[in-house]
Amino acid sequence: MKIKYIPIYTDDVEKQLCFFTEKLGFEICDTKSILFSQECTLIKTHNQDVFIIIIKQAPTANNNKTNHIVLNTDDCLNDYHTLPKY
């Protein structure tokens, strides 16, 4: 099992895109509707198997932003049962 997508929630998509492309040298590879039917920008990292997803999220009064890690697996059921429970 390995990490496939790293979501970044932001209220300023352009600022995040500039940071990841201009400062870190990553590359924008696509725009898709992935999480919760929201349009997201996929950024290819230097690791060909890991992508960053930039997700537009409007600022809220309490600024609670939810983060997720999307895992890539060949056997989801087996990995679910072997992962430690917290």
N, C-alpha and C. Protein backbone atom coordinates (compact mmCIF):
# COMPACT_ATOMS: atom_id res chain seq x y z
N MET A 1 0.85 -1.16 0.00
CA MET A 1 0.00 0.00 0.00
C MET A 1 0.90 1.23 0.00
N LYS A 2 0.46 2.28 -0.71
CA LYS A 2 1.24 3.50 -0.73
C LYS A 2 0.33 4.71 -0.93
N ILE A 3 0.84 5.86 -0.58
CA ILE A 3 0.08 7.11 -0.74
C ILE A 3 0.02 7.45 -2.23
N LYS A 4 -1.16 7.81 -2.70
CA LYS A 4 -1.36 8.14 -4.11
C LYS A 4 -1.64 9.63 -4.29
N TYR A 5 -2.54 10.19 -3.48
CA TYR A 5 -2.92 11.60 -3.60
C TYR A 5 -2.77 12.30 -2.25
N ILE A 6 -2.29 13.53 -2.30
CA ILE A 6 -2.20 14.37 -1.11
C ILE A 6 -3.06 15.60 -1.38
N PRO A 7 -4.24 15.68 -0.76
CA PRO A 7 -5.13 16.82 -0.99
C PRO A 7 -4.67 18.06 -0.21
N ILE A 8 -4.73 19.20 -0.86
CA ILE A 8 -4.44 20.49 -0.23
C ILE A 8 -5.69 21.36 -0.41
N TYR A 9 -6.34 21.70 0.70
CA TYR A 9 -7.52 22.56 0.67
C TYR A 9 -7.08 24.00 0.81
N THR A 10 -7.62 24.87 -0.03
CA THR A 10 -7.21 26.27 -0.02
C THR A 10 -8.32 27.18 -0.50
N ASP A 11 -8.27 28.42 -0.05
CA ASP A 11 -9.21 29.42 -0.57
C ASP A 11 -8.53 30.24 -1.67
N ASP A 12 -7.24 29.99 -1.94
CA ASP A 12 -6.50 30.69 -2.98
C ASP A 12 -5.75 29.67 -3.84
N VAL A 13 -6.46 29.13 -4.83
CA VAL A 13 -5.91 28.08 -5.69
C VAL A 13 -4.68 28.58 -6.44
N GLU A 14 -4.76 29.78 -7.00
CA GLU A 14 -3.64 30.31 -7.78
C GLU A 14 -2.36 30.42 -6.96
N LYS A 15 -2.48 30.84 -5.72
CA LYS A 15 -1.31 30.95 -4.84
C LYS A 15 -0.67 29.57 -4.62
N GLN A 16 -1.50 28.56 -4.39
CA GLN A 16 -0.99 27.20 -4.20
C GLN A 16 -0.35 26.67 -5.47
N LEU A 17 -0.99 26.91 -6.62
CA LEU A 17 -0.43 26.44 -7.89
C LEU A 17 0.93 27.07 -8.15
N CYS A 18 1.05 28.37 -7.88
CA CYS A 18 2.34 29.06 -8.05
C CYS A 18 3.40 28.46 -7.14
N PHE A 19 3.04 28.20 -5.89
CA PHE A 19 4.00 27.63 -4.95
C PHE A 19 4.52 26.28 -5.43
N PHE A 20 3.59 25.38 -5.76
CA PHE A 20 4.00 24.03 -6.13
C PHE A 20 4.71 23.97 -7.48
N THR A 21 4.34 24.84 -8.43
CA THR A 21 4.98 24.79 -9.74
C THR A 21 6.25 25.64 -9.80
N GLU A 22 6.18 26.88 -9.32
CA GLU A 22 7.33 27.78 -9.44
C GLU A 22 8.39 27.55 -8.37
N LYS A 23 7.97 27.28 -7.15
CA LYS A 23 8.94 27.10 -6.06
C LYS A 23 9.47 25.68 -5.96
N LEU A 24 8.58 24.69 -6.15
CA LEU A 24 8.98 23.30 -5.98
C LEU A 24 9.26 22.58 -7.30
N GLY A 25 8.89 23.21 -8.41
CA GLY A 25 9.17 22.62 -9.72
C GLY A 25 8.25 21.48 -10.11
N PHE A 26 7.09 21.36 -9.45
CA PHE A 26 6.13 20.34 -9.82
C PHE A 26 5.38 20.80 -11.07
N GLU A 27 4.59 19.92 -11.64
CA GLU A 27 3.95 20.18 -12.92
C GLU A 27 2.44 19.94 -12.83
N ILE A 28 1.64 20.89 -13.33
CA ILE A 28 0.19 20.69 -13.40
C ILE A 28 -0.07 19.67 -14.49
N CYS A 29 -0.83 18.63 -14.17
CA CYS A 29 -1.06 17.60 -15.18
C CYS A 29 -2.52 17.47 -15.61
N ASP A 30 -3.47 17.94 -14.79
CA ASP A 30 -4.87 17.78 -15.18
C ASP A 30 -5.79 18.51 -14.21
N THR A 31 -7.01 18.71 -14.64
CA THR A 31 -8.07 19.21 -13.78
C THR A 31 -9.21 18.20 -13.87
N LYS A 32 -9.63 17.70 -12.72
CA LYS A 32 -10.66 16.66 -12.68
C LYS A 32 -11.63 16.90 -11.54
N SER A 33 -12.73 16.23 -11.61
CA SER A 33 -13.68 16.21 -10.51
C SER A 33 -13.42 14.91 -9.75
N ILE A 34 -12.77 15.02 -8.58
CA ILE A 34 -12.35 13.82 -7.86
C ILE A 34 -13.08 13.66 -6.54
N LEU A 35 -12.88 14.60 -5.63
CA LEU A 35 -13.44 14.48 -4.30
C LEU A 35 -14.72 15.28 -4.17
N PHE A 36 -15.79 14.63 -3.77
CA PHE A 36 -17.07 15.29 -3.50
C PHE A 36 -17.55 16.11 -4.70
N SER A 37 -17.27 15.63 -5.91
CA SER A 37 -17.69 16.29 -7.15
C SER A 37 -17.17 17.72 -7.27
N GLN A 38 -16.06 18.02 -6.62
CA GLN A 38 -15.42 19.33 -6.73
C GLN A 38 -14.35 19.27 -7.80
N GLU A 39 -14.23 20.36 -8.58
CA GLU A 39 -13.15 20.41 -9.54
C GLU A 39 -11.83 20.61 -8.81
N CYS A 40 -10.86 19.78 -9.13
CA CYS A 40 -9.57 19.80 -8.47
C CYS A 40 -8.47 19.85 -9.52
N THR A 41 -7.34 20.43 -9.15
CA THR A 41 -6.18 20.46 -10.03
C THR A 41 -5.18 19.43 -9.54
N LEU A 42 -4.78 18.54 -10.44
CA LEU A 42 -3.80 17.51 -10.13
C LEU A 42 -2.41 18.02 -10.48
N ILE A 43 -1.50 17.87 -9.53
CA ILE A 43 -0.11 18.29 -9.72
C ILE A 43 0.78 17.06 -9.61
N LYS A 44 1.60 16.86 -10.63
CA LYS A 44 2.54 15.74 -10.64
C LYS A 44 3.76 16.13 -9.82
N THR A 45 4.13 15.30 -8.85
CA THR A 45 5.30 15.55 -8.02
C THR A 45 6.52 14.89 -8.67
N HIS A 46 7.66 14.97 -8.02
CA HIS A 46 8.86 14.33 -8.55
C HIS A 46 8.78 12.81 -8.41
N ASN A 47 7.85 12.31 -7.61
CA ASN A 47 7.59 10.88 -7.50
C ASN A 47 6.43 10.59 -8.44
N GLN A 48 6.66 9.82 -9.49
CA GLN A 48 5.65 9.62 -10.52
C GLN A 48 4.36 8.96 -10.02
N ASP A 49 4.39 8.36 -8.83
CA ASP A 49 3.21 7.68 -8.30
C ASP A 49 2.40 8.54 -7.32
N VAL A 50 2.90 9.72 -6.95
CA VAL A 50 2.22 10.56 -5.96
C VAL A 50 1.82 11.88 -6.60
N PHE A 51 0.55 12.25 -6.40
CA PHE A 51 0.02 13.50 -6.93
C PHE A 51 -0.50 14.36 -5.79
N ILE A 52 -0.41 15.66 -5.96
CA ILE A 52 -1.02 16.62 -5.05
C ILE A 52 -2.32 17.07 -5.72
N ILE A 53 -3.37 17.17 -4.93
CA ILE A 53 -4.65 17.64 -5.44
C ILE A 53 -4.94 18.98 -4.78
N ILE A 54 -5.07 20.03 -5.57
CA ILE A 54 -5.43 21.35 -5.04
C ILE A 54 -6.95 21.48 -5.14
N ILE A 55 -7.58 21.70 -3.99
CA ILE A 55 -9.03 21.74 -3.91
C ILE A 55 -9.47 23.10 -3.38
N LYS A 56 -10.33 23.76 -4.12
CA LYS A 56 -10.85 25.06 -3.70
C LYS A 56 -11.82 24.85 -2.55
N GLN A 57 -11.54 25.54 -1.44
CA GLN A 57 -12.44 25.49 -0.30
C GLN A 57 -12.59 26.90 0.24
N ALA A 58 -13.80 27.38 0.23
CA ALA A 58 -14.06 28.74 0.72
C ALA A 58 -13.75 28.84 2.20
N PRO A 59 -13.23 29.99 2.64
CA PRO A 59 -12.97 30.15 4.08
C PRO A 59 -14.28 30.08 4.86
N THR A 60 -14.21 29.46 6.04
CA THR A 60 -15.38 29.35 6.90
C THR A 60 -15.13 30.11 8.19
N ALA A 61 -16.18 30.28 8.94
CA ALA A 61 -16.07 31.05 10.19
C ALA A 61 -15.09 30.40 11.16
N ASN A 62 -15.09 29.09 11.23
CA ASN A 62 -14.20 28.41 12.18
C ASN A 62 -12.96 27.83 11.50
N ASN A 63 -12.84 28.01 10.17
CA ASN A 63 -11.69 27.56 9.39
C ASN A 63 -11.37 26.08 9.56
N ASN A 64 -12.39 25.25 9.80
CA ASN A 64 -12.17 23.80 9.85
C ASN A 64 -12.01 23.28 8.44
N LYS A 65 -10.85 22.74 8.15
CA LYS A 65 -10.60 22.16 6.84
C LYS A 65 -10.28 20.68 7.06
N THR A 66 -10.90 19.85 6.28
CA THR A 66 -10.72 18.43 6.41
C THR A 66 -9.66 17.96 5.43
N ASN A 67 -8.73 17.16 5.88
CA ASN A 67 -7.72 16.59 5.01
C ASN A 67 -7.92 15.09 4.91
N HIS A 68 -7.54 14.56 3.77
CA HIS A 68 -7.66 13.13 3.50
C HIS A 68 -6.35 12.64 2.91
N ILE A 69 -6.12 11.38 3.04
CA ILE A 69 -5.05 10.72 2.32
C ILE A 69 -5.70 9.61 1.51
N VAL A 70 -5.47 9.61 0.22
CA VAL A 70 -6.02 8.59 -0.66
C VAL A 70 -4.92 7.57 -0.93
N LEU A 71 -5.17 6.33 -0.57
CA LEU A 71 -4.17 5.27 -0.72
C LEU A 71 -4.43 4.46 -1.98
N ASN A 72 -3.37 3.99 -2.55
CA ASN A 72 -3.45 3.11 -3.70
C ASN A 72 -3.10 1.70 -3.22
N THR A 73 -3.92 0.72 -3.54
CA THR A 73 -3.68 -0.64 -3.06
C THR A 73 -4.12 -1.65 -4.12
N ASP A 74 -3.49 -2.80 -4.09
CA ASP A 74 -3.88 -3.89 -4.98
C ASP A 74 -4.92 -4.79 -4.32
N ASP A 75 -5.01 -4.74 -3.00
CA ASP A 75 -5.93 -5.59 -2.26
C ASP A 75 -6.53 -4.80 -1.10
N CYS A 76 -7.54 -4.03 -1.37
CA CYS A 76 -8.13 -3.11 -0.39
C CYS A 76 -8.64 -3.86 0.84
N LEU A 77 -9.35 -4.95 0.66
CA LEU A 77 -9.93 -5.68 1.78
C LEU A 77 -8.84 -6.25 2.69
N ASN A 78 -7.81 -6.83 2.11
CA ASN A 78 -6.72 -7.37 2.91
C ASN A 78 -6.00 -6.25 3.67
N ASP A 79 -5.71 -5.16 2.99
CA ASP A 79 -5.02 -4.04 3.65
C ASP A 79 -5.86 -3.45 4.76
N TYR A 80 -7.16 -3.37 4.56
CA TYR A 80 -8.05 -2.86 5.60
C TYR A 80 -7.94 -3.70 6.87
N HIS A 81 -7.91 -5.01 6.70
CA HIS A 81 -7.85 -5.91 7.85
C HIS A 81 -6.48 -5.97 8.51
N THR A 82 -5.43 -5.64 7.78
CA THR A 82 -4.08 -5.70 8.35
C THR A 82 -3.62 -4.37 8.92
N LEU A 83 -4.28 -3.28 8.58
CA LEU A 83 -3.89 -1.98 9.15
C LEU A 83 -4.24 -1.92 10.63
N PRO A 84 -3.39 -1.29 11.43
CA PRO A 84 -3.72 -1.16 12.87
C PRO A 84 -4.95 -0.27 13.06
N LYS A 85 -5.74 -0.61 14.03
CA LYS A 85 -6.96 0.16 14.34
C LYS A 85 -6.63 1.17 15.44
N TYR A 86 -7.01 2.40 15.23
CA TYR A 86 -6.78 3.45 16.22
C TYR A 86 -8.06 3.94 16.81
